[in-house]
Amino acid sequence: MKKRVLSMVLCGVMAISMLTACSGSSKSEESSEEKGTVVMGGKSFTEAYLLSEIYSLALEDNGYTVEKVYDMNTDTITPAIQNDEIDMYPEYIGTALTDILGAELETDVDVMYETVSSQFSEKWNIKWLDLTTMEDKVVMVMRADRAEELGVKTLTDLQKVADQLILGDGVNFAEREDDLLRLNSIFGEFAFEVKNVDYSLAYSCLEDGSVDVIPGLSTDPQLLGDTYVVIEEDRPVWPPQYVAPIVRQEILDKYPEIEDICNNVSKNISTDSMIEMLDKVVNGGEEYEDVAKDFYENNCK
């Protein structure tokens, strides 16, 4: 009887050992099948945080571990990806063309994309993925009622009445060769009265009527609703600033599905959707991580 009990105990121990061994083998195999780590870079402003976070969420949702290195600027993020310190980040096509490549200003987005794609590939083995339809570029902004009163819809219209208007300038717009001086060279002189304002108060000055027109950005959250209007750029002035993820080719060779994952996200990011996200963060006080997650889950999954 004692022998039978001992035999049963031994069999039990062996069975447990076999189960443990099998379990360990399964876990090992599972680990070997886990996807790799991708280092996501990001620039240091709210819009850039949102973009980097959305792409990070997509990669994580597809099984990748994402290390996030945000709070960078163009001067630091460019060498970081060139030197393999980060693997990818969202970049603006106009910034890439003029600031990174040092090329001449161009306003044809197809020409720009061909230039940055080929040059980034040849110089640094970095690939540009699909552009979003989100553009963050310089725009001229007026109160809608004031623009309607003066019949201003286009920059051509604005030039004709500029001598009646006060330009609120918080970014040295009037002195920059690529801003007011460029407008003057294309349309003829914009004879604004120039009033220096605090950049953070530019829309407040526009609202209270102390200025009539300001240079803004096409993703400013103040552009939600119908209080303000963007003056149409009826002749090309500023380079397009559509955004796209750029990725080291070595990473794409190792994980080719990343291209489709990111392109699927990019097709859902528009200027309007970015304005809405920025409004939630800037005006609504929400955390950018929460806003990015909400956008990803409702639009990209």
C-alpha atoms as a PDB file:
ATOM      1  CA  MET A   1       0.000   0.000   0.000  1.00  0.00           C
ATOM      2  CA  LYS A   2       2.824   2.342   0.917  1.00  0.00           C
ATOM      3  CA  LYS A   3       4.493   1.563  -2.395  1.00  0.00           C
ATOM      4  CA  ARG A   4       1.311   2.435  -4.303  1.00  0.00           C
ATOM      5  CA  VAL A   5       0.988   5.774  -2.478  1.00  0.00           C
ATOM      6  CA  LEU A   6       4.647   6.601  -3.111  1.00  0.00           C
ATOM      7  CA  SER A   7       4.236   5.703  -6.751  1.00  0.00           C
ATOM      8  CA  MET A   8       1.212   7.967  -7.034  1.00  0.00           C
ATOM      9  CA  VAL A   9       3.119  10.835  -5.403  1.00  0.00           C
ATOM     10  CA  LEU A  10       6.054  10.380  -7.755  1.00  0.00           C
ATOM     11  CA  CYS A  11       3.733  10.320 -10.758  1.00  0.00           C
ATOM     12  CA  GLY A  12       2.138  13.519  -9.512  1.00  0.00           C
ATOM     13  CA  VAL A  13       5.488  15.226  -9.113  1.00  0.00           C
ATOM     14  CA  MET A  14       6.511  14.123 -12.613  1.00  0.00           C
ATOM     15  CA  ALA A  15       3.240  15.402 -14.060  1.00  0.00           C
ATOM     16  CA  ILE A  16       3.682  18.776 -12.372  1.00  0.00           C
ATOM     17  CA  SER A  17       7.278  18.953 -13.613  1.00  0.00           C
ATOM     18  CA  MET A  18       6.173  18.181 -17.172  1.00  0.00           C
ATOM     19  CA  LEU A  19       3.461  20.834 -17.011  1.00  0.00           C
ATOM     20  CA  THR A  20       5.933  23.366 -15.675  1.00  0.00           C
ATOM     21  CA  ALA A  21       8.403  22.509 -18.400  1.00  0.00           C
ATOM     22  CA  CYS A  22       5.734  22.779 -21.073  1.00  0.00           C
ATOM     23  CA  SER A  23       4.528  26.067 -19.632  1.00  0.00           C
ATOM     24  CA  GLY A  24       8.069  27.429 -19.625  1.00  0.00           C
ATOM     25  CA  SER A  25       8.604  26.317 -23.210  1.00  0.00           C
ATOM     26  CA  SER A  26       5.378  27.956 -24.306  1.00  0.00           C
ATOM     27  CA  LYS A  27       6.316  31.253 -22.636  1.00  0.00           C
ATOM     28  CA  SER A  28       9.739  31.157 -24.251  1.00  0.00           C
ATOM     29  CA  GLU A  29       8.224  30.575 -27.662  1.00  0.00           C
ATOM     30  CA  GLU A  30       5.715  33.354 -27.039  1.00  0.00           C
ATOM     31  CA  SER A  31       8.510  35.764 -26.108  1.00  0.00           C
ATOM     32  CA  SER A  32      10.414  34.897 -29.242  1.00  0.00           C
ATOM     33  CA  GLU A  33       7.350  35.851 -31.272  1.00  0.00           C
ATOM     34  CA  GLU A  34       6.845  39.233 -29.597  1.00  0.00           C
ATOM     35  CA  LYS A  35       7.429  42.254 -31.845  1.00  0.00           C
ATOM     36  CA  GLY A  36      10.325  44.612 -31.316  1.00  0.00           C
ATOM     37  CA  THR A  37      10.864  48.047 -29.827  1.00  0.00           C
ATOM     38  CA  VAL A  38      10.501  51.260 -31.827  1.00  0.00           C
ATOM     39  CA  VAL A  39      11.848  54.598 -30.580  1.00  0.00           C
ATOM     40  CA  MET A  40       9.355  57.365 -31.416  1.00  0.00           C
ATOM     41  CA  GLY A  41      10.621  60.928 -31.488  1.00  0.00           C
ATOM     42  CA  GLY A  42       8.514  64.038 -31.144  1.00  0.00           C
ATOM     43  CA  LYS A  43       8.839  67.811 -31.246  1.00  0.00           C
ATOM     44  CA  SER A  44       8.141  70.055 -28.275  1.00  0.00           C
ATOM     45  CA  PHE A  45       4.730  71.595 -28.902  1.00  0.00           C
ATOM     46  CA  THR A  46       1.199  70.356 -28.313  1.00  0.00           C
ATOM     47  CA  GLU A  47       0.402  69.473 -31.907  1.00  0.00           C
ATOM     48  CA  ALA A  48       3.586  67.432 -32.200  1.00  0.00           C
ATOM     49  CA  TYR A  49       2.859  65.610 -28.930  1.00  0.00           C
ATOM     50  CA  LEU A  50      -0.535  64.611 -30.298  1.00  0.00           C
ATOM     51  CA  LEU A  51       0.891  63.369 -33.598  1.00  0.00           C
ATOM     52  CA  SER A  52       3.682  61.317 -32.042  1.00  0.00           C
ATOM     53  CA  GLU A  53       1.306  59.862 -29.469  1.00  0.00           C
ATOM     54  CA  ILE A  54      -1.258  58.773 -32.076  1.00  0.00           C
ATOM     55  CA  TYR A  55       1.359  56.919 -34.122  1.00  0.00           C
ATOM     56  CA  SER A  56       2.766  55.391 -30.921  1.00  0.00           C
ATOM     57  CA  LEU A  57      -0.672  54.098 -29.967  1.00  0.00           C
ATOM     58  CA  ALA A  58      -1.056  52.463 -33.375  1.00  0.00           C
ATOM     59  CA  LEU A  59       2.263  50.677 -33.046  1.00  0.00           C
ATOM     60  CA  GLU A  60       1.495  49.546 -29.500  1.00  0.00           C
ATOM     61  CA  ASP A  61      -1.917  48.311 -30.620  1.00  0.00           C
ATOM     62  CA  ASN A  62      -0.116  46.146 -33.174  1.00  0.00           C
ATOM     63  CA  GLY A  63       2.209  44.557 -30.663  1.00  0.00           C
ATOM     64  CA  TYR A  64       5.246  46.844 -30.653  1.00  0.00           C
ATOM     65  CA  THR A  65       6.914  48.316 -27.606  1.00  0.00           C
ATOM     66  CA  VAL A  66       7.334  52.064 -28.106  1.00  0.00           C
ATOM     67  CA  GLU A  67       9.964  54.147 -26.362  1.00  0.00           C
ATOM     68  CA  LYS A  68       8.908  57.797 -26.489  1.00  0.00           C
ATOM     69  CA  VAL A  69      11.457  60.585 -26.823  1.00  0.00           C
ATOM     70  CA  TYR A  70       9.473  63.818 -27.104  1.00  0.00           C
ATOM     71  CA  ASP A  71      10.317  67.470 -26.339  1.00  0.00           C
ATOM     72  CA  MET A  72      12.814  67.889 -29.184  1.00  0.00           C
ATOM     73  CA  ASN A  73      13.165  70.629 -31.800  1.00  0.00           C
ATOM     74  CA  THR A  74      14.223  70.464 -35.439  1.00  0.00           C
ATOM     75  CA  ASP A  75      17.868  71.085 -34.567  1.00  0.00           C
ATOM     76  CA  THR A  76      17.983  68.118 -32.184  1.00  0.00           C
ATOM     77  CA  ILE A  77      15.502  65.662 -33.695  1.00  0.00           C
ATOM     78  CA  THR A  78      17.109  65.751 -37.142  1.00  0.00           C
ATOM     79  CA  PRO A  79      20.536  64.477 -36.051  1.00  0.00           C
ATOM     80  CA  ALA A  80      18.812  62.063 -33.650  1.00  0.00           C
ATOM     81  CA  ILE A  81      17.142  60.137 -36.472  1.00  0.00           C
ATOM     82  CA  GLN A  82      20.167  60.480 -38.742  1.00  0.00           C
ATOM     83  CA  ASN A  83      22.381  58.957 -36.034  1.00  0.00           C
ATOM     84  CA  ASP A  84      19.957  56.100 -35.217  1.00  0.00           C
ATOM     85  CA  GLU A  85      19.114  57.519 -31.775  1.00  0.00           C
ATOM     86  CA  ILE A  86      15.408  57.490 -32.654  1.00  0.00           C
ATOM     87  CA  ASP A  87      13.638  55.391 -35.271  1.00  0.00           C
ATOM     88  CA  MET A  88      10.866  57.667 -36.492  1.00  0.00           C
ATOM     89  CA  TYR A  89       8.886  60.853 -35.886  1.00  0.00           C
ATOM     90  CA  PRO A  90       6.256  63.051 -37.603  1.00  0.00           C
ATOM     91  CA  GLU A  91       7.835  65.793 -39.752  1.00  0.00           C
ATOM     92  CA  TYR A  92       6.498  68.746 -41.737  1.00  0.00           C
ATOM     93  CA  ILE A  93       7.288  68.759 -45.439  1.00  0.00           C
ATOM     94  CA  GLY A  94       8.066  72.477 -45.673  1.00  0.00           C
ATOM     95  CA  THR A  95      10.390  72.299 -42.676  1.00  0.00           C
ATOM     96  CA  ALA A  96      12.130  69.300 -44.208  1.00  0.00           C
ATOM     97  CA  LEU A  97      12.659  71.070 -47.516  1.00  0.00           C
ATOM     98  CA  THR A  98      13.923  74.457 -46.356  1.00  0.00           C
ATOM     99  CA  ASP A  99      15.244  73.954 -42.816  1.00  0.00           C
ATOM    100  CA  ILE A 100      16.716  70.454 -43.025  1.00  0.00           C
ATOM    101  CA  LEU A 101      17.724  70.156 -46.681  1.00  0.00           C
ATOM    102  CA  GLY A 102      18.362  73.888 -47.128  1.00  0.00           C
ATOM    103  CA  ALA A 103      16.588  73.804 -50.499  1.00  0.00           C
ATOM    104  CA  GLU A 104      14.877  76.730 -52.197  1.00  0.00           C
ATOM    105  CA  LEU A 105      11.317  77.497 -51.193  1.00  0.00           C
ATOM    106  CA  GLU A 106       8.774  75.532 -53.244  1.00  0.00           C
ATOM    107  CA  THR A 107       4.984  75.696 -53.182  1.00  0.00           C
ATOM    108  CA  ASP A 108       4.080  72.603 -55.272  1.00  0.00           C
ATOM    109  CA  VAL A 109       3.495  69.826 -52.749  1.00  0.00           C
ATOM    110  CA  ASP A 110       4.162  67.040 -55.270  1.00  0.00           C
ATOM    111  CA  VAL A 111       7.536  68.529 -56.184  1.00  0.00           C
ATOM    112  CA  MET A 112       8.322  68.991 -52.497  1.00  0.00           C
ATOM    113  CA  TYR A 113       7.416  65.412 -51.622  1.00  0.00           C
ATOM    114  CA  GLU A 114       9.535  64.015 -54.438  1.00  0.00           C
ATOM    115  CA  THR A 115      12.486  66.148 -53.330  1.00  0.00           C
ATOM    116  CA  VAL A 116      12.345  65.317 -49.632  1.00  0.00           C
ATOM    117  CA  SER A 117      11.639  61.641 -50.277  1.00  0.00           C
ATOM    118  CA  SER A 118      14.563  61.158 -52.627  1.00  0.00           C
ATOM    119  CA  GLN A 119      17.009  63.317 -50.670  1.00  0.00           C
ATOM    120  CA  PHE A 120      16.225  61.814 -47.259  1.00  0.00           C
ATOM    121  CA  SER A 121      16.590  58.334 -48.739  1.00  0.00           C
ATOM    122  CA  GLU A 122      19.881  59.071 -50.497  1.00  0.00           C
ATOM    123  CA  LYS A 123      21.477  61.069 -47.678  1.00  0.00           C
ATOM    124  CA  TRP A 124      20.294  59.249 -44.574  1.00  0.00           C
ATOM    125  CA  ASN A 125      18.384  56.110 -45.626  1.00  0.00           C
ATOM    126  CA  ILE A 126      15.192  57.565 -44.156  1.00  0.00           C
ATOM    127  CA  LYS A 127      11.808  56.965 -45.776  1.00  0.00           C
ATOM    128  CA  TRP A 128       8.902  59.396 -45.963  1.00  0.00           C
ATOM    129  CA  LEU A 129       5.579  57.611 -45.516  1.00  0.00           C
ATOM    130  CA  ASP A 130       2.234  58.943 -46.807  1.00  0.00           C
ATOM    131  CA  LEU A 131       1.354  62.568 -46.114  1.00  0.00           C
ATOM    132  CA  THR A 132      -1.627  63.356 -43.936  1.00  0.00           C
ATOM    133  CA  THR A 133      -4.114  65.994 -45.047  1.00  0.00           C
ATOM    134  CA  MET A 134      -3.203  67.940 -41.889  1.00  0.00           C
ATOM    135  CA  GLU A 135      -1.384  71.155 -42.671  1.00  0.00           C
ATOM    136  CA  ASP A 136       0.072  73.591 -40.167  1.00  0.00           C
ATOM    137  CA  LYS A 137       1.170  76.600 -42.191  1.00  0.00           C
ATOM    138  CA  VAL A 138       1.155  80.388 -42.026  1.00  0.00           C
ATOM    139  CA  VAL A 139      -2.223  81.971 -42.779  1.00  0.00           C
ATOM    140  CA  MET A 140      -3.647  85.468 -42.570  1.00  0.00           C
ATOM    141  CA  VAL A 141      -6.620  85.696 -40.222  1.00  0.00           C
ATOM    142  CA  MET A 142      -9.362  88.302 -39.805  1.00  0.00           C
ATOM    143  CA  ARG A 143     -12.577  88.520 -37.845  1.00  0.00           C
ATOM    144  CA  ALA A 144     -15.264  87.175 -40.157  1.00  0.00           C
ATOM    145  CA  ASP A 145     -17.495  90.229 -39.788  1.00  0.00           C
ATOM    146  CA  ARG A 146     -14.645  92.635 -40.566  1.00  0.00           C
ATOM    147  CA  ALA A 147     -13.579  90.625 -43.607  1.00  0.00           C
ATOM    148  CA  GLU A 148     -17.159  90.550 -44.890  1.00  0.00           C
ATOM    149  CA  GLU A 149     -17.543  94.297 -44.301  1.00  0.00           C
ATOM    150  CA  LEU A 150     -14.481  94.981 -46.489  1.00  0.00           C
ATOM    151  CA  GLY A 151     -15.185  92.247 -49.040  1.00  0.00           C
ATOM    152  CA  VAL A 152     -11.964  90.402 -48.233  1.00  0.00           C
ATOM    153  CA  LYS A 153     -11.841  86.738 -49.202  1.00  0.00           C
ATOM    154  CA  THR A 154      -8.406  86.396 -50.807  1.00  0.00           C
ATOM    155  CA  LEU A 155      -4.932  87.829 -50.331  1.00  0.00           C
ATOM    156  CA  THR A 156      -5.523  89.871 -53.476  1.00  0.00           C
ATOM    157  CA  ASP A 157      -8.558  91.429 -51.788  1.00  0.00           C
ATOM    158  CA  LEU A 158      -6.539  91.997 -48.614  1.00  0.00           C
ATOM    159  CA  GLN A 159      -3.774  93.851 -50.456  1.00  0.00           C
ATOM    160  CA  LYS A 160      -6.300  96.308 -51.907  1.00  0.00           C
ATOM    161  CA  VAL A 161      -7.583  97.410 -48.487  1.00  0.00           C
ATOM    162  CA  ALA A 162      -4.372  96.944 -46.459  1.00  0.00           C
ATOM    163  CA  ASP A 163      -3.956 100.710 -46.026  1.00  0.00           C
ATOM    164  CA  GLN A 164      -7.183 100.685 -43.968  1.00  0.00           C
ATOM    165  CA  LEU A 165      -6.034  97.914 -41.652  1.00  0.00           C
ATOM    166  CA  ILE A 166      -3.849  97.389 -38.583  1.00  0.00           C
ATOM    167  CA  LEU A 167      -1.645  94.292 -38.645  1.00  0.00           C
ATOM    168  CA  GLY A 168      -1.109  92.711 -35.238  1.00  0.00           C
ATOM    169  CA  ASP A 169       2.446  91.403 -35.363  1.00  0.00           C
ATOM    170  CA  GLY A 170       3.748  89.147 -32.598  1.00  0.00           C
ATOM    171  CA  VAL A 171       6.289  87.163 -34.632  1.00  0.00           C
ATOM    172  CA  ASN A 172       8.297  89.819 -36.528  1.00  0.00           C
ATOM    173  CA  PHE A 173       6.074  89.045 -39.500  1.00  0.00           C
ATOM    174  CA  ALA A 174       6.485  92.517 -41.006  1.00  0.00           C
ATOM    175  CA  GLU A 175      10.277  92.231 -41.091  1.00  0.00           C
ATOM    176  CA  ARG A 176      10.771  88.690 -42.346  1.00  0.00           C
ATOM    177  CA  GLU A 177      11.693  88.084 -45.964  1.00  0.00           C
ATOM    178  CA  ASP A 178       9.539  84.958 -46.105  1.00  0.00           C
ATOM    179  CA  ASP A 179       6.461  86.676 -44.646  1.00  0.00           C
ATOM    180  CA  LEU A 180       5.245  90.259 -45.295  1.00  0.00           C
ATOM    181  CA  LEU A 181       8.150  91.071 -47.612  1.00  0.00           C
ATOM    182  CA  ARG A 182       7.311  87.976 -49.641  1.00  0.00           C
ATOM    183  CA  LEU A 183       3.666  88.999 -49.786  1.00  0.00           C
ATOM    184  CA  ASN A 184       4.734  92.421 -51.055  1.00  0.00           C
ATOM    185  CA  SER A 185       6.863  90.866 -53.796  1.00  0.00           C
ATOM    186  CA  ILE A 186       3.988  88.705 -55.031  1.00  0.00           C
ATOM    187  CA  PHE A 187       0.932  90.954 -54.682  1.00  0.00           C
ATOM    188  CA  GLY A 188       2.314  94.483 -54.402  1.00  0.00           C
ATOM    189  CA  GLU A 189       2.768  96.424 -51.180  1.00  0.00           C
ATOM    190  CA  PHE A 190       0.534  95.623 -48.216  1.00  0.00           C
ATOM    191  CA  ALA A 191       0.431  99.098 -46.646  1.00  0.00           C
ATOM    192  CA  PHE A 192      -0.650  97.942 -43.186  1.00  0.00           C
ATOM    193  CA  GLU A 193      -0.210  99.981 -40.063  1.00  0.00           C
ATOM    194  CA  VAL A 194       1.873  97.567 -37.999  1.00  0.00           C
ATOM    195  CA  LYS A 195       1.194  97.163 -34.287  1.00  0.00           C
ATOM    196  CA  ASN A 196       3.459  94.929 -32.215  1.00  0.00           C
ATOM    197  CA  VAL A 197       1.451  92.623 -29.961  1.00  0.00           C
ATOM    198  CA  ASP A 198       2.196  89.752 -27.609  1.00  0.00           C
ATOM    199  CA  TYR A 199       1.881  86.603 -29.728  1.00  0.00           C
ATOM    200  CA  SER A 200      -0.232  84.881 -27.086  1.00  0.00           C
ATOM    201  CA  LEU A 201      -2.696  87.801 -27.182  1.00  0.00           C
ATOM    202  CA  ALA A 202      -2.966  88.148 -30.954  1.00  0.00           C
ATOM    203  CA  TYR A 203      -6.446  86.623 -31.206  1.00  0.00           C
ATOM    204  CA  SER A 204      -7.633  88.665 -28.224  1.00  0.00           C
ATOM    205  CA  CYS A 205      -6.481  91.820 -30.007  1.00  0.00           C
ATOM    206  CA  LEU A 206      -8.282  90.679 -33.138  1.00  0.00           C
ATOM    207  CA  GLU A 207     -11.424  90.006 -31.144  1.00  0.00           C
ATOM    208  CA  ASP A 208     -11.519  93.389 -29.409  1.00  0.00           C
ATOM    209  CA  GLY A 209     -10.818  95.251 -32.657  1.00  0.00           C
ATOM    210  CA  SER A 210      -7.478  96.751 -31.646  1.00  0.00           C
ATOM    211  CA  VAL A 211      -6.020  95.051 -34.745  1.00  0.00           C
ATOM    212  CA  ASP A 212      -7.698  93.970 -37.968  1.00  0.00           C
ATOM    213  CA  VAL A 213      -5.538  91.128 -39.252  1.00  0.00           C
ATOM    214  CA  ILE A 214      -2.929  88.790 -37.797  1.00  0.00           C
ATOM    215  CA  PRO A 215      -0.611  86.084 -39.073  1.00  0.00           C
ATOM    216  CA  GLY A 216      -1.772  82.767 -37.615  1.00  0.00           C
ATOM    217  CA  LEU A 217      -1.403  79.060 -38.212  1.00  0.00           C
ATOM    218  CA  SER A 218      -3.881  76.879 -40.054  1.00  0.00           C
ATOM    219  CA  THR A 219      -4.347  74.611 -37.012  1.00  0.00           C
ATOM    220  CA  ASP A 220      -4.986  77.378 -34.464  1.00  0.00           C
ATOM    221  CA  PRO A 221      -7.857  76.150 -32.238  1.00  0.00           C
ATOM    222  CA  GLN A 222      -9.373  79.655 -32.387  1.00  0.00           C
ATOM    223  CA  LEU A 223     -10.354  78.871 -35.981  1.00  0.00           C
ATOM    224  CA  LEU A 224     -13.102  76.547 -34.778  1.00  0.00           C
ATOM    225  CA  GLY A 225     -16.491  78.131 -35.337  1.00  0.00           C
ATOM    226  CA  ASP A 226     -17.247  81.157 -37.475  1.00  0.00           C
ATOM    227  CA  THR A 227     -15.763  84.056 -35.478  1.00  0.00           C
ATOM    228  CA  TYR A 228     -12.574  84.181 -37.564  1.00  0.00           C
ATOM    229  CA  VAL A 229     -11.819  83.535 -41.187  1.00  0.00           C
ATOM    230  CA  VAL A 230      -8.629  82.459 -42.971  1.00  0.00           C
ATOM    231  CA  ILE A 231      -7.859  84.651 -45.971  1.00  0.00           C
ATOM    232  CA  GLU A 232      -7.540  82.477 -49.067  1.00  0.00           C
ATOM    233  CA  GLU A 233      -4.047  82.211 -50.539  1.00  0.00           C
ATOM    234  CA  ASP A 234      -5.085  82.780 -54.157  1.00  0.00           C
ATOM    235  CA  ARG A 235      -1.438  82.806 -55.275  1.00  0.00           C
ATOM    236  CA  PRO A 236       1.115  80.474 -53.673  1.00  0.00           C
ATOM    237  CA  VAL A 237       3.023  82.270 -50.918  1.00  0.00           C
ATOM    238  CA  TRP A 238       4.116  79.907 -48.170  1.00  0.00           C
ATOM    239  CA  PRO A 239       5.347  76.348 -48.598  1.00  0.00           C
ATOM    240  CA  PRO A 240       2.859  73.589 -47.801  1.00  0.00           C
ATOM    241  CA  GLN A 241       3.354  72.132 -44.330  1.00  0.00           C
ATOM    242  CA  TYR A 242       1.642  68.763 -44.500  1.00  0.00           C
ATOM    243  CA  VAL A 243       2.944  66.231 -42.012  1.00  0.00           C
ATOM    244  CA  ALA A 244       4.025  62.605 -42.405  1.00  0.00           C
ATOM    245  CA  PRO A 245       5.923  60.042 -40.352  1.00  0.00           C
ATOM    246  CA  ILE A 246       9.526  59.560 -41.414  1.00  0.00           C
ATOM    247  CA  VAL A 247      11.181  56.244 -40.540  1.00  0.00           C
ATOM    248  CA  ARG A 248      14.670  54.801 -40.743  1.00  0.00           C
ATOM    249  CA  GLN A 249      14.707  52.313 -43.616  1.00  0.00           C
ATOM    250  CA  GLU A 250      16.499  49.794 -41.405  1.00  0.00           C
ATOM    251  CA  ILE A 251      13.431  49.695 -39.158  1.00  0.00           C
ATOM    252  CA  LEU A 252      11.088  49.214 -42.114  1.00  0.00           C
ATOM    253  CA  ASP A 253      13.284  46.418 -43.457  1.00  0.00           C
ATOM    254  CA  LYS A 254      13.025  44.711 -40.073  1.00  0.00           C
ATOM    255  CA  TYR A 255       9.339  45.447 -39.475  1.00  0.00           C
ATOM    256  CA  PRO A 256       7.763  46.153 -42.900  1.00  0.00           C
ATOM    257  CA  GLU A 257       4.189  46.249 -41.566  1.00  0.00           C
ATOM    258  CA  ILE A 258       4.969  49.524 -39.789  1.00  0.00           C
ATOM    259  CA  GLU A 259       4.517  51.339 -43.102  1.00  0.00           C
ATOM    260  CA  ASP A 260       0.921  50.152 -43.511  1.00  0.00           C
ATOM    261  CA  ILE A 261       0.157  50.723 -39.824  1.00  0.00           C
ATOM    262  CA  CYS A 262       1.288  54.355 -40.008  1.00  0.00           C
ATOM    263  CA  ASN A 263      -0.264  55.035 -43.404  1.00  0.00           C
ATOM    264  CA  ASN A 264      -3.597  53.813 -42.074  1.00  0.00           C
ATOM    265  CA  VAL A 265      -3.330  56.372 -39.276  1.00  0.00           C
ATOM    266  CA  SER A 266      -2.199  59.177 -41.583  1.00  0.00           C
ATOM    267  CA  LYS A 267      -5.230  58.916 -43.841  1.00  0.00           C
ATOM    268  CA  ASN A 268      -7.417  59.841 -40.867  1.00  0.00           C
ATOM    269  CA  ILE A 269      -5.531  62.918 -39.659  1.00  0.00           C
ATOM    270  CA  SER A 270      -6.781  66.182 -41.177  1.00  0.00           C
ATOM    271  CA  THR A 271      -6.403  69.874 -40.429  1.00  0.00           C
ATOM    272  CA  ASP A 272      -9.915  69.988 -38.991  1.00  0.00           C
ATOM    273  CA  SER A 273      -9.355  66.972 -36.750  1.00  0.00           C
ATOM    274  CA  MET A 274      -6.125  68.495 -35.435  1.00  0.00           C
ATOM    275  CA  ILE A 275      -7.868  71.799 -34.670  1.00  0.00           C
ATOM    276  CA  GLU A 276     -10.486  69.876 -32.681  1.00  0.00           C
ATOM    277  CA  MET A 277      -7.819  67.955 -30.751  1.00  0.00           C
ATOM    278  CA  LEU A 278      -5.865  71.123 -29.997  1.00  0.00           C
ATOM    279  CA  ASP A 279      -9.038  72.803 -28.785  1.00  0.00           C
ATOM    280  CA  LYS A 280      -9.588  69.997 -26.280  1.00  0.00           C
ATOM    281  CA  VAL A 281      -6.043  70.346 -24.942  1.00  0.00           C
ATOM    282  CA  VAL A 282      -5.482  74.115 -25.152  1.00  0.00           C
ATOM    283  CA  ASN A 283      -8.962  75.341 -24.309  1.00  0.00           C
ATOM    284  CA  GLY A 284     -10.524  72.296 -22.671  1.00  0.00           C
ATOM    285  CA  GLY A 285      -7.641  71.494 -20.350  1.00  0.00           C
ATOM    286  CA  GLU A 286      -7.502  67.810 -21.320  1.00  0.00           C
ATOM    287  CA  GLU A 287      -4.240  65.857 -21.323  1.00  0.00           C
ATOM    288  CA  TYR A 288      -2.791  65.327 -24.787  1.00  0.00           C
ATOM    289  CA  GLU A 289      -2.405  61.583 -24.100  1.00  0.00           C
ATOM    290  CA  ASP A 290      -6.148  61.265 -23.441  1.00  0.00           C
ATOM    291  CA  VAL A 291      -7.081  63.283 -26.518  1.00  0.00           C
ATOM    292  CA  ALA A 292      -4.720  61.253 -28.722  1.00  0.00           C
ATOM    293  CA  LYS A 293      -6.108  57.980 -27.372  1.00  0.00           C
ATOM    294  CA  ASP A 294      -9.682  59.082 -27.949  1.00  0.00           C
ATOM    295  CA  PHE A 295      -8.868  60.118 -31.518  1.00  0.00           C
ATOM    296  CA  TYR A 296      -7.024  56.888 -32.259  1.00  0.00           C
ATOM    297  CA  GLU A 297      -9.731  54.628 -30.881  1.00  0.00           C
ATOM    298  CA  ASN A 298     -12.534  56.449 -32.679  1.00  0.00           C
ATOM    299  CA  ASN A 299     -10.846  56.979 -36.036  1.00  0.00           C
ATOM    300  CA  CYS A 300      -7.903  54.657 -36.618  1.00  0.00           C
ATOM    301  CA  LYS A 301      -8.575  51.237 -35.101  1.00  0.00           C
END
